[in-house]
Amino acid sequence: MLERTSQRRDNVQTVRSQLATELLLNAFTIVAVVIIARLVLVVLDVNDRIWIGSLVYGLTDPIIDVLLRVPGAQRSVLGGLTLADLTLASVLILFPLGIVATGGASRR
């Protein structure tokens, strides 16, 4: 009887952990799509008068405005692409690397 209760708790905990992981991956995917869309729109010089430009720039401009306060962040790299845009894109690489790097740590 106690074994069944213990197994049920383990199964519930596994399902919750898997659900949390899937939700985190889905959220990261949505953020990544928005960031990549911004990069494409900036390189193609799409302004915010088009609905997709308005949507993407509206979501990412607050973050870019903060990054543009760093000296040198306004330097253009490719067309309208600035170092602030590339810094934002670097999150797409650094976030998963951080998860992998800390994933092996023992939790006691």
PDB file of N, CA and C in Angstrom:
ATOM      1  N   MET A   1       0.817  -1.188   0.000  1.00  0.00           N
ATOM      2  CA  MET A   1       0.000   0.000   0.000  1.00  0.00           C
ATOM      3  C   MET A   1       0.864   1.256   0.000  1.00  0.00           C
ATOM      4  N   LEU A   2       1.901   1.266   0.825  1.00  0.00           N
ATOM      5  CA  LEU A   2       2.781   2.428   0.887  1.00  0.00           C
ATOM      6  C   LEU A   2       3.591   2.580  -0.399  1.00  0.00           C
ATOM      7  N   GLU A   3       3.907   1.459  -1.021  1.00  0.00           N
ATOM      8  CA  GLU A   3       4.660   1.525  -2.271  1.00  0.00           C
ATOM      9  C   GLU A   3       3.832   2.191  -3.363  1.00  0.00           C
ATOM     10  N   ARG A   4       2.543   1.889  -3.411  1.00  0.00           N
ATOM     11  CA  ARG A   4       1.672   2.489  -4.423  1.00  0.00           C
ATOM     12  C   ARG A   4       1.581   4.006  -4.224  1.00  0.00           C
ATOM     13  N   THR A   5       1.447   4.423  -2.985  1.00  0.00           N
ATOM     14  CA  THR A   5       1.367   5.854  -2.682  1.00  0.00           C
ATOM     15  C   THR A   5       2.668   6.539  -3.066  1.00  0.00           C
ATOM     16  N   SER A   6       3.774   5.918  -2.781  1.00  0.00           N
ATOM     17  CA  SER A   6       5.077   6.482  -3.129  1.00  0.00           C
ATOM     18  C   SER A   6       5.258   6.565  -4.641  1.00  0.00           C
ATOM     19  N   GLN A   7       4.817   5.525  -5.347  1.00  0.00           N
ATOM     20  CA  GLN A   7       4.925   5.528  -6.802  1.00  0.00           C
ATOM     21  C   GLN A   7       4.041   6.606  -7.421  1.00  0.00           C
ATOM     22  N   ARG A   8       2.863   6.794  -6.860  1.00  0.00           N
ATOM     23  CA  ARG A   8       1.966   7.837  -7.375  1.00  0.00           C
ATOM     24  C   ARG A   8       2.585   9.220  -7.182  1.00  0.00           C
ATOM     25  N   ARG A   9       3.174   9.456  -6.022  1.00  0.00           N
ATOM     26  CA  ARG A   9       3.819  10.749  -5.777  1.00  0.00           C
ATOM     27  C   ARG A   9       4.979  10.969  -6.734  1.00  0.00           C
ATOM     28  N   ASP A  10       5.755   9.936  -6.982  1.00  0.00           N
ATOM     29  CA  ASP A  10       6.868  10.051  -7.928  1.00  0.00           C
ATOM     30  C   ASP A  10       6.361  10.347  -9.331  1.00  0.00           C
ATOM     31  N   ASN A  11       5.266   9.683  -9.720  1.00  0.00           N
ATOM     32  CA  ASN A  11       4.695   9.921 -11.044  1.00  0.00           C
ATOM     33  C   ASN A  11       4.154  11.334 -11.176  1.00  0.00           C
ATOM     34  N   VAL A  12       3.495  11.835 -10.147  1.00  0.00           N
ATOM     35  CA  VAL A  12       2.959  13.195 -10.173  1.00  0.00           C
ATOM     36  C   VAL A  12       4.104  14.193 -10.247  1.00  0.00           C
ATOM     37  N   GLN A  13       5.150  13.958  -9.481  1.00  0.00           N
ATOM     38  CA  GLN A  13       6.303  14.856  -9.500  1.00  0.00           C
ATOM     39  C   GLN A  13       6.981  14.839 -10.865  1.00  0.00           C
ATOM     40  N   THR A  14       7.071  13.695 -11.491  1.00  0.00           N
ATOM     41  CA  THR A  14       7.664  13.592 -12.827  1.00  0.00           C
ATOM     42  C   THR A  14       6.830  14.344 -13.852  1.00  0.00           C
ATOM     43  N   VAL A  15       5.527  14.200 -13.779  1.00  0.00           N
ATOM     44  CA  VAL A  15       4.642  14.895 -14.707  1.00  0.00           C
ATOM     45  C   VAL A  15       4.747  16.402 -14.514  1.00  0.00           C
ATOM     46  N   ARG A  16       4.793  16.871 -13.285  1.00  0.00           N
ATOM     47  CA  ARG A  16       4.932  18.312 -13.015  1.00  0.00           C
ATOM     48  C   ARG A  16       6.258  18.843 -13.525  1.00  0.00           C
ATOM     49  N   SER A  17       7.305  18.087 -13.320  1.00  0.00           N
ATOM     50  CA  SER A  17       8.617  18.505 -13.797  1.00  0.00           C
ATOM     51  C   SER A  17       8.652  18.569 -15.319  1.00  0.00           C
ATOM     52  N   GLN A  18       8.068  17.595 -15.971  1.00  0.00           N
ATOM     53  CA  GLN A  18       8.030  17.584 -17.426  1.00  0.00           C
ATOM     54  C   GLN A  18       7.177  18.737 -17.947  1.00  0.00           C
ATOM     55  N   LEU A  19       6.075  19.029 -17.285  1.00  0.00           N
ATOM     56  CA  LEU A  19       5.219  20.135 -17.687  1.00  0.00           C
ATOM     57  C   LEU A  19       5.947  21.470 -17.551  1.00  0.00           C
ATOM     58  N   ALA A  20       6.653  21.646 -16.460  1.00  0.00           N
ATOM     59  CA  ALA A  20       7.416  22.885 -16.269  1.00  0.00           C
ATOM     60  C   ALA A  20       8.495  23.040 -17.338  1.00  0.00           C
ATOM     61  N   THR A  21       9.155  21.958 -17.673  1.00  0.00           N
ATOM     62  CA  THR A  21      10.188  22.002 -18.711  1.00  0.00           C
ATOM     63  C   THR A  21       9.590  22.343 -20.067  1.00  0.00           C
ATOM     64  N   GLU A  22       8.470  21.742 -20.394  1.00  0.00           N
ATOM     65  CA  GLU A  22       7.827  22.022 -21.679  1.00  0.00           C
ATOM     66  C   GLU A  22       7.322  23.459 -21.754  1.00  0.00           C
ATOM     67  N   LEU A  23       6.787  23.985 -20.663  1.00  0.00           N
ATOM     68  CA  LEU A  23       6.343  25.376 -20.646  1.00  0.00           C
ATOM     69  C   LEU A  23       7.517  26.343 -20.806  1.00  0.00           C
ATOM     70  N   LEU A  24       8.631  26.036 -20.159  1.00  0.00           N
ATOM     71  CA  LEU A  24       9.826  26.861 -20.288  1.00  0.00           C
ATOM     72  C   LEU A  24      10.354  26.839 -21.718  1.00  0.00           C
ATOM     73  N   LEU A  25      10.373  25.685 -22.333  1.00  0.00           N
ATOM     74  CA  LEU A  25      10.829  25.583 -23.719  1.00  0.00           C
ATOM     75  C   LEU A  25       9.891  26.311 -24.678  1.00  0.00           C
ATOM     76  N   ASN A  26       8.598  26.233 -24.444  1.00  0.00           N
ATOM     77  CA  ASN A  26       7.641  26.957 -25.291  1.00  0.00           C
ATOM     78  C   ASN A  26       7.805  28.464 -25.143  1.00  0.00           C
ATOM     79  N   ALA A  27       7.997  28.944 -23.922  1.00  0.00           N
ATOM     80  CA  ALA A  27       8.212  30.378 -23.699  1.00  0.00           C
ATOM     81  C   ALA A  27       9.499  30.840 -24.371  1.00  0.00           C
ATOM     82  N   PHE A  28      10.559  30.044 -24.244  1.00  0.00           N
ATOM     83  CA  PHE A  28      11.825  30.391 -24.884  1.00  0.00           C
ATOM     84  C   PHE A  28      11.672  30.424 -26.403  1.00  0.00           C
ATOM     85  N   THR A  29      10.911  29.515 -26.953  1.00  0.00           N
ATOM     86  CA  THR A  29      10.693  29.482 -28.397  1.00  0.00           C
ATOM     87  C   THR A  29       9.965  30.731 -28.881  1.00  0.00           C
ATOM     88  N   ILE A  30       8.978  31.160 -28.145  1.00  0.00           N
ATOM     89  CA  ILE A  30       8.240  32.372 -28.525  1.00  0.00           C
ATOM     90  C   ILE A  30       9.156  33.588 -28.484  1.00  0.00           C
ATOM     91  N   VAL A  31       9.961  33.692 -27.431  1.00  0.00           N
ATOM     92  CA  VAL A  31      10.906  34.808 -27.328  1.00  0.00           C
ATOM     93  C   VAL A  31      11.917  34.746 -28.463  1.00  0.00           C
ATOM     94  N   ALA A  32      12.412  33.566 -28.778  1.00  0.00           N
ATOM     95  CA  ALA A  32      13.390  33.417 -29.856  1.00  0.00           C
ATOM     96  C   ALA A  32      12.799  33.820 -31.203  1.00  0.00           C
ATOM     97  N   VAL A  33      11.560  33.457 -31.451  1.00  0.00           N
ATOM     98  CA  VAL A  33      10.912  33.829 -32.717  1.00  0.00           C
ATOM     99  C   VAL A  33      10.796  35.343 -32.829  1.00  0.00           C
ATOM    100  N   VAL A  34      10.428  36.000 -31.749  1.00  0.00           N
ATOM    101  CA  VAL A  34      10.295  37.460 -31.780  1.00  0.00           C
ATOM    102  C   VAL A  34      11.645  38.120 -32.020  1.00  0.00           C
ATOM    103  N   ILE A  35      12.690  37.623 -31.374  1.00  0.00           N
ATOM    104  CA  ILE A  35      14.025  38.207 -31.542  1.00  0.00           C
ATOM    105  C   ILE A  35      14.539  37.991 -32.964  1.00  0.00           C
ATOM    106  N   ILE A  36      14.367  36.805 -33.493  1.00  0.00           N
ATOM    107  CA  ILE A  36      14.815  36.540 -34.868  1.00  0.00           C
ATOM    108  C   ILE A  36      13.996  37.357 -35.863  1.00  0.00           C
ATOM    109  N   ALA A  37      12.699  37.490 -35.601  1.00  0.00           N
ATOM    110  CA  ALA A  37      11.871  38.332 -36.474  1.00  0.00           C
ATOM    111  C   ALA A  37      12.361  39.766 -36.453  1.00  0.00           C
ATOM    112  N   ARG A  38      12.766  40.268 -35.295  1.00  0.00           N
ATOM    113  CA  ARG A  38      13.311  41.630 -35.212  1.00  0.00           C
ATOM    114  C   ARG A  38      14.576  41.749 -36.044  1.00  0.00           C
ATOM    115  N   LEU A  39      15.459  40.762 -35.932  1.00  0.00           N
ATOM    116  CA  LEU A  39      16.699  40.813 -36.713  1.00  0.00           C
ATOM    117  C   LEU A  39      16.408  40.852 -38.215  1.00  0.00           C
ATOM    118  N   VAL A  40      15.487  40.021 -38.642  1.00  0.00           N
ATOM    119  CA  VAL A  40      15.142  39.979 -40.065  1.00  0.00           C
ATOM    120  C   VAL A  40      14.512  41.298 -40.504  1.00  0.00           C
ATOM    121  N   LEU A  41      13.612  41.841 -39.701  1.00  0.00           N
ATOM    122  CA  LEU A  41      12.959  43.092 -40.057  1.00  0.00           C
ATOM    123  C   LEU A  41      13.938  44.261 -40.091  1.00  0.00           C
ATOM    124  N   VAL A  42      14.888  44.276 -39.167  1.00  0.00           N
ATOM    125  CA  VAL A  42      15.880  45.357 -39.156  1.00  0.00           C
ATOM    126  C   VAL A  42      16.799  45.250 -40.365  1.00  0.00           C
ATOM    127  N   VAL A  43      17.249  44.061 -40.683  1.00  0.00           N
ATOM    128  CA  VAL A  43      18.134  43.879 -41.838  1.00  0.00           C
ATOM    129  C   VAL A  43      17.413  44.226 -43.136  1.00  0.00           C
ATOM    130  N   LEU A  44      16.141  43.865 -43.243  1.00  0.00           N
ATOM    131  CA  LEU A  44      15.358  44.166 -44.448  1.00  0.00           C
ATOM    132  C   LEU A  44      14.809  45.590 -44.450  1.00  0.00           C
ATOM    133  N   ASP A  45      15.096  46.344 -43.402  1.00  0.00           N
ATOM    134  CA  ASP A  45      14.689  47.748 -43.281  1.00  0.00           C
ATOM    135  C   ASP A  45      13.171  47.917 -43.353  1.00  0.00           C
ATOM    136  N   VAL A  46      12.454  47.045 -42.655  1.00  0.00           N
ATOM    137  CA  VAL A  46      11.004  47.142 -42.549  1.00  0.00           C
ATOM    138  C   VAL A  46      10.687  48.081 -41.385  1.00  0.00           C
ATOM    139  N   ASN A  47       9.852  49.089 -41.631  1.00  0.00           N
ATOM    140  CA  ASN A  47       9.538  50.031 -40.567  1.00  0.00           C
ATOM    141  C   ASN A  47       8.318  49.580 -39.780  1.00  0.00           C
ATOM    142  N   ASP A  48       7.944  50.391 -38.794  1.00  0.00           N
ATOM    143  CA  ASP A  48       6.849  50.003 -37.917  1.00  0.00           C
ATOM    144  C   ASP A  48       5.484  50.429 -38.447  1.00  0.00           C
ATOM    145  N   ARG A  49       5.414  50.888 -39.673  1.00  0.00           N
ATOM    146  CA  ARG A  49       4.126  51.236 -40.267  1.00  0.00           C
ATOM    147  C   ARG A  49       3.389  49.999 -40.765  1.00  0.00           C
ATOM    148  N   ILE A  50       4.128  48.923 -41.004  1.00  0.00           N
ATOM    149  CA  ILE A  50       3.537  47.644 -41.390  1.00  0.00           C
ATOM    150  C   ILE A  50       3.170  46.914 -40.095  1.00  0.00           C
ATOM    151  N   TRP A  51       2.095  46.163 -40.103  1.00  0.00           N
ATOM    152  CA  TRP A  51       1.587  45.579 -38.864  1.00  0.00           C
ATOM    153  C   TRP A  51       2.588  44.654 -38.188  1.00  0.00           C
ATOM    154  N   ILE A  52       3.326  43.877 -38.953  1.00  0.00           N
ATOM    155  CA  ILE A  52       4.283  42.954 -38.343  1.00  0.00           C
ATOM    156  C   ILE A  52       5.447  43.723 -37.722  1.00  0.00           C
ATOM    157  N   GLY A  53       5.870  44.778 -38.394  1.00  0.00           N
ATOM    158  CA  GLY A  53       6.926  45.614 -37.833  1.00  0.00           C
ATOM    159  C   GLY A  53       6.476  46.295 -36.559  1.00  0.00           C
ATOM    160  N   SER A  54       5.248  46.779 -36.563  1.00  0.00           N
ATOM    161  CA  SER A  54       4.700  47.429 -35.376  1.00  0.00           C
ATOM    162  C   SER A  54       4.622  46.455 -34.203  1.00  0.00           C
ATOM    163  N   LEU A  55       4.199  45.238 -34.483  1.00  0.00           N
ATOM    164  CA  LEU A  55       4.073  44.229 -33.432  1.00  0.00           C
ATOM    165  C   LEU A  55       5.435  43.846 -32.865  1.00  0.00           C
ATOM    166  N   VAL A  56       6.370  43.510 -33.744  1.00  0.00           N
ATOM    167  CA  VAL A  56       7.679  43.035 -33.289  1.00  0.00           C
ATOM    168  C   VAL A  56       8.464  44.156 -32.622  1.00  0.00           C
ATOM    169  N   TYR A  57       8.472  45.327 -33.238  1.00  0.00           N
ATOM    170  CA  TYR A  57       9.203  46.441 -32.640  1.00  0.00           C
ATOM    171  C   TYR A  57       8.566  46.872 -31.324  1.00  0.00           C
ATOM    172  N   GLY A  58       7.261  46.789 -31.238  1.00  0.00           N
ATOM    173  CA  GLY A  58       6.579  47.135 -29.990  1.00  0.00           C
ATOM    174  C   GLY A  58       6.958  46.207 -28.850  1.00  0.00           C
ATOM    175  N   LEU A  59       7.185  44.936 -29.161  1.00  0.00           N
ATOM    176  CA  LEU A  59       7.570  43.973 -28.132  1.00  0.00           C
ATOM    177  C   LEU A  59       9.040  44.094 -27.739  1.00  0.00           C
ATOM    178  N   THR A  60       9.902  44.441 -28.696  1.00  0.00           N
ATOM    179  CA  THR A  60      11.337  44.414 -28.420  1.00  0.00           C
ATOM    180  C   THR A  60      11.965  45.778 -28.165  1.00  0.00           C
ATOM    181  N   ASP A  61      11.298  46.859 -28.534  1.00  0.00           N
ATOM    182  CA  ASP A  61      11.890  48.184 -28.347  1.00  0.00           C
ATOM    183  C   ASP A  61      12.201  48.533 -26.898  1.00  0.00           C
ATOM    184  N   PRO A  62      11.377  48.167 -25.915  1.00  0.00           N
ATOM    185  CA  PRO A  62      11.771  48.487 -24.533  1.00  0.00           C
ATOM    186  C   PRO A  62      13.103  47.860 -24.126  1.00  0.00           C
ATOM    187  N   ILE A  63      13.370  46.657 -24.573  1.00  0.00           N
ATOM    188  CA  ILE A  63      14.640  46.000 -24.242  1.00  0.00           C
ATOM    189  C   ILE A  63      15.781  46.655 -25.012  1.00  0.00           C
ATOM    190  N   ILE A  64      15.562  46.952 -26.284  1.00  0.00           N
ATOM    191  CA  ILE A  64      16.591  47.591 -27.099  1.00  0.00           C
ATOM    192  C   ILE A  64      16.909  48.985 -26.572  1.00  0.00           C
ATOM    193  N   ASP A  65      15.894  49.721 -26.104  1.00  0.00           N
ATOM    194  CA  ASP A  65      16.126  51.055 -25.553  1.00  0.00           C
ATOM    195  C   ASP A  65      17.059  51.007 -24.353  1.00  0.00           C
ATOM    196  N   VAL A  66      16.914  49.987 -23.518  1.00  0.00           N
ATOM    197  CA  VAL A  66      17.817  49.820 -22.379  1.00  0.00           C
ATOM    198  C   VAL A  66      19.224  49.476 -22.875  1.00  0.00           C
ATOM    199  N   LEU A  67      19.316  48.590 -23.842  1.00  0.00           N
ATOM    200  CA  LEU A  67      20.632  48.191 -24.359  1.00  0.00           C
ATOM    201  C   LEU A  67      21.332  49.336 -25.095  1.00  0.00           C
ATOM    202  N   LEU A  68      20.579  50.246 -25.687  1.00  0.00           N
ATOM    203  CA  LEU A  68      21.179  51.362 -26.414  1.00  0.00           C
ATOM    204  C   LEU A  68      21.839  52.380 -25.488  1.00  0.00           C
ATOM    205  N   ARG A  69      21.612  52.294 -24.207  1.00  0.00           N
ATOM    206  CA  ARG A  69      22.267  53.196 -23.247  1.00  0.00           C
ATOM    207  C   ARG A  69      23.714  52.805 -22.988  1.00  0.00           C
ATOM    208  N   VAL A  70      24.082  51.618 -23.380  1.00  0.00           N
ATOM    209  CA  VAL A  70      25.467  51.170 -23.236  1.00  0.00           C
ATOM    210  C   VAL A  70      26.304  51.865 -24.311  1.00  0.00           C
ATOM    211  N   PRO A  71      27.468  52.421 -23.932  1.00  0.00           N
ATOM    212  CA  PRO A  71      28.296  53.098 -24.938  1.00  0.00           C
ATOM    213  C   PRO A  71      28.697  52.146 -26.068  1.00  0.00           C
ATOM    214  N   GLY A  72      28.539  52.613 -27.290  1.00  0.00           N
ATOM    215  CA  GLY A  72      28.908  51.828 -28.462  1.00  0.00           C
ATOM    216  C   GLY A  72      27.816  50.923 -28.986  1.00  0.00           C
ATOM    217  N   ALA A  73      26.692  50.863 -28.301  1.00  0.00           N
ATOM    218  CA  ALA A  73      25.620  49.949 -28.703  1.00  0.00           C
ATOM    219  C   ALA A  73      24.893  50.423 -29.954  1.00  0.00           C
ATOM    220  N   GLN A  74      25.044  51.689 -30.305  1.00  0.00           N
ATOM    221  CA  GLN A  74      24.360  52.223 -31.482  1.00  0.00           C
ATOM    222  C   GLN A  74      25.170  52.032 -32.761  1.00  0.00           C
ATOM    223  N   ARG A  75      26.325  51.417 -32.649  1.00  0.00           N
ATOM    224  CA  ARG A  75      27.167  51.197 -33.825  1.00  0.00           C
ATOM    225  C   ARG A  75      26.480  50.228 -34.781  1.00  0.00           C
ATOM    226  N   SER A  76      26.415  50.626 -36.027  1.00  0.00           N
ATOM    227  CA  SER A  76      25.754  49.819 -37.044  1.00  0.00           C
ATOM    228  C   SER A  76      26.684  48.713 -37.524  1.00  0.00           C
ATOM    229  N   VAL A  77      26.153  47.522 -37.637  1.00  0.00           N
ATOM    230  CA  VAL A  77      26.937  46.369 -38.078  1.00  0.00           C
ATOM    231  C   VAL A  77      26.598  46.015 -39.519  1.00  0.00           C
ATOM    232  N   LEU A  78      25.314  45.866 -39.802  1.00  0.00           N
ATOM    233  CA  LEU A  78      24.864  45.486 -41.133  1.00  0.00           C
ATOM    234  C   LEU A  78      23.552  46.213 -41.413  1.00  0.00           C
ATOM    235  N   GLY A  79      23.593  47.186 -42.289  1.00  0.00           N
ATOM    236  CA  GLY A  79      22.394  47.976 -42.559  1.00  0.00           C
ATOM    237  C   GLY A  79      21.960  48.705 -41.304  1.00  0.00           C
ATOM    238  N   GLY A  80      20.759  48.467 -40.847  1.00  0.00           N
ATOM    239  CA  GLY A  80      20.257  49.078 -39.624  1.00  0.00           C
ATOM    240  C   GLY A  80      20.498  48.242 -38.383  1.00  0.00           C
ATOM    241  N   LEU A  81      21.149  47.108 -38.543  1.00  0.00           N
ATOM    242  CA  LEU A  81      21.420  46.200 -37.426  1.00  0.00           C
ATOM    243  C   LEU A  81      22.508  46.793 -36.539  1.00  0.00           C
ATOM    244  N   THR A  82      22.217  46.965 -35.275  1.00  0.00           N
ATOM    245  CA  THR A  82      23.178  47.556 -34.341  1.00  0.00           C
ATOM    246  C   THR A  82      23.716  46.495 -33.391  1.00  0.00           C
ATOM    247  N   LEU A  83      24.701  46.902 -32.608  1.00  0.00           N
ATOM    248  CA  LEU A  83      25.245  45.990 -31.607  1.00  0.00           C
ATOM    249  C   LEU A  83      24.207  45.654 -30.536  1.00  0.00           C
ATOM    250  N   ALA A  84      23.275  46.560 -30.288  1.00  0.00           N
ATOM    251  CA  ALA A  84      22.212  46.267 -29.324  1.00  0.00           C
ATOM    252  C   ALA A  84      21.335  45.122 -29.823  1.00  0.00           C
ATOM    253  N   ASP A  85      21.043  45.111 -31.120  1.00  0.00           N
ATOM    254  CA  ASP A  85      20.257  44.010 -31.693  1.00  0.00           C
ATOM    255  C   ASP A  85      21.022  42.694 -31.598  1.00  0.00           C
ATOM    256  N   LEU A  86      22.307  42.741 -31.861  1.00  0.00           N
ATOM    257  CA  LEU A  86      23.108  41.517 -31.773  1.00  0.00           C
ATOM    258  C   LEU A  86      23.267  41.047 -30.337  1.00  0.00           C
ATOM    259  N   THR A  87      23.306  41.986 -29.404  1.00  0.00           N
ATOM    260  CA  THR A  87      23.364  41.616 -27.987  1.00  0.00           C
ATOM    261  C   THR A  87      22.090  40.896 -27.577  1.00  0.00           C
ATOM    262  N   LEU A  88      20.971  41.406 -28.042  1.00  0.00           N
ATOM    263  CA  LEU A  88      19.699  40.739 -27.758  1.00  0.00           C
ATOM    264  C   LEU A  88      19.672  39.345 -28.379  1.00  0.00           C
ATOM    265  N   ALA A  89      20.212  39.211 -29.581  1.00  0.00           N
ATOM    266  CA  ALA A  89      20.246  37.906 -30.244  1.00  0.00           C
ATOM    267  C   ALA A  89      21.185  36.936 -29.540  1.00  0.00           C
ATOM    268  N   SER A  90      22.189  37.453 -28.856  1.00  0.00           N
ATOM    269  CA  SER A  90      23.120  36.561 -28.153  1.00  0.00           C
ATOM    270  C   SER A  90      22.430  35.816 -27.016  1.00  0.00           C
ATOM    271  N   VAL A  91      21.304  36.335 -26.543  1.00  0.00           N
ATOM    272  CA  VAL A  91      20.533  35.640 -25.505  1.00  0.00           C
ATOM    273  C   VAL A  91      20.061  34.281 -26.012  1.00  0.00           C
ATOM    274  N   LEU A  92      19.808  34.209 -27.315  1.00  0.00           N
ATOM    275  CA  LEU A  92      19.343  32.947 -27.895  1.00  0.00           C
ATOM    276  C   LEU A  92      20.388  31.847 -27.772  1.00  0.00           C
ATOM    277  N   ILE A  93      21.635  32.223 -27.712  1.00  0.00           N
ATOM    278  CA  ILE A  93      22.703  31.245 -27.573  1.00  0.00           C
ATOM    279  C   ILE A  93      23.065  31.047 -26.103  1.00  0.00           C
ATOM    280  N   LEU A  94      23.149  32.139 -25.354  1.00  0.00           N
ATOM    281  CA  LEU A  94      23.637  32.058 -23.979  1.00  0.00           C
ATOM    282  C   LEU A  94      22.637  31.430 -23.008  1.00  0.00           C
ATOM    283  N   PHE A  95      21.353  31.644 -23.216  1.00  0.00           N
ATOM    284  CA  PHE A  95      20.366  31.074 -22.296  1.00  0.00           C
ATOM    285  C   PHE A  95      20.385  29.543 -22.297  1.00  0.00           C
ATOM    286  N   PRO A  96      20.309  28.892 -23.466  1.00  0.00           N
ATOM    287  CA  PRO A  96      20.390  27.422 -23.438  1.00  0.00           C
ATOM    288  C   PRO A  96      21.736  26.901 -22.931  1.00  0.00           C
ATOM    289  N   LEU A  97      22.815  27.623 -23.248  1.00  0.00           N
ATOM    290  CA  LEU A  97      24.115  27.198 -22.727  1.00  0.00           C
ATOM    291  C   LEU A  97      24.158  27.273 -21.211  1.00  0.00           C
ATOM    292  N   GLY A  98      23.527  28.285 -20.646  1.00  0.00           N
ATOM    293  CA  GLY A  98      23.461  28.395 -19.192  1.00  0.00           C
ATOM    294  C   GLY A  98      22.660  27.267 -18.568  1.00  0.00           C
ATOM    295  N   ILE A  99      21.592  26.879 -19.221  1.00  0.00           N
ATOM    296  CA  ILE A  99      20.794  25.765 -18.711  1.00  0.00           C
ATOM    297  C   ILE A  99      21.587  24.464 -18.762  1.00  0.00           C
ATOM    298  N   VAL A 100      22.291  24.243 -19.857  1.00  0.00           N
ATOM    299  CA  VAL A 100      23.094  23.027 -19.982  1.00  0.00           C
ATOM    300  C   VAL A 100      24.229  23.034 -18.968  1.00  0.00           C
ATOM    301  N   ALA A 101      24.843  24.179 -18.771  1.00  0.00           N
ATOM    302  CA  ALA A 101      25.971  24.266 -17.852  1.00  0.00           C
ATOM    303  C   ALA A 101      25.556  24.011 -16.414  1.00  0.00           C
ATOM    304  N   THR A 102      24.380  24.454 -16.023  1.00  0.00           N
ATOM    305  CA  THR A 102      23.933  24.255 -14.636  1.00  0.00           C
ATOM    306  C   THR A 102      23.056  23.019 -14.486  1.00  0.00           C
ATOM    307  N   GLY A 103      22.746  22.329 -15.551  1.00  0.00           N
ATOM    308  CA  GLY A 103      21.859  21.166 -15.477  1.00  0.00           C
ATOM    309  C   GLY A 103      22.467  19.985 -14.774  1.00  0.00           C
ATOM    310  N   GLY A 104      23.766  19.872 -14.750  1.00  0.00           N
ATOM    311  CA  GLY A 104      24.414  18.732 -14.116  1.00  0.00           C
ATOM    312  C   GLY A 104      24.680  18.929 -12.639  1.00  0.00           C
ATOM    313  N   ALA A 105      24.376  20.097 -12.108  1.00  0.00           N
ATOM    314  CA  ALA A 105      24.633  20.363 -10.692  1.00  0.00           C
ATOM    315  C   ALA A 105      23.718  19.501  -9.836  1.00  0.00           C
ATOM    316  N   SER A 106      24.284  18.951  -8.775  1.00  0.00           N
ATOM    317  CA  SER A 106      23.483  18.095  -7.894  1.00  0.00           C
ATOM    318  C   SER A 106      22.581  18.954  -7.017  1.00  0.00           C
ATOM    319  N   ARG A 107      21.367  18.505  -6.840  1.00  0.00           N
ATOM    320  CA  ARG A 107      20.378  19.230  -6.044  1.00  0.00           C
ATOM    321  C   ARG A 107      20.071  18.399  -4.813  1.00  0.00           C
ATOM    322  N   ARG A 108      20.581  18.836  -3.708  1.00  0.00           N
ATOM    323  CA  ARG A 108      20.367  18.088  -2.458  1.00  0.00           C
ATOM    324  C   ARG A 108      19.748  18.956  -1.422  1.00  0.00           C
TER     325      ARG A 108
END
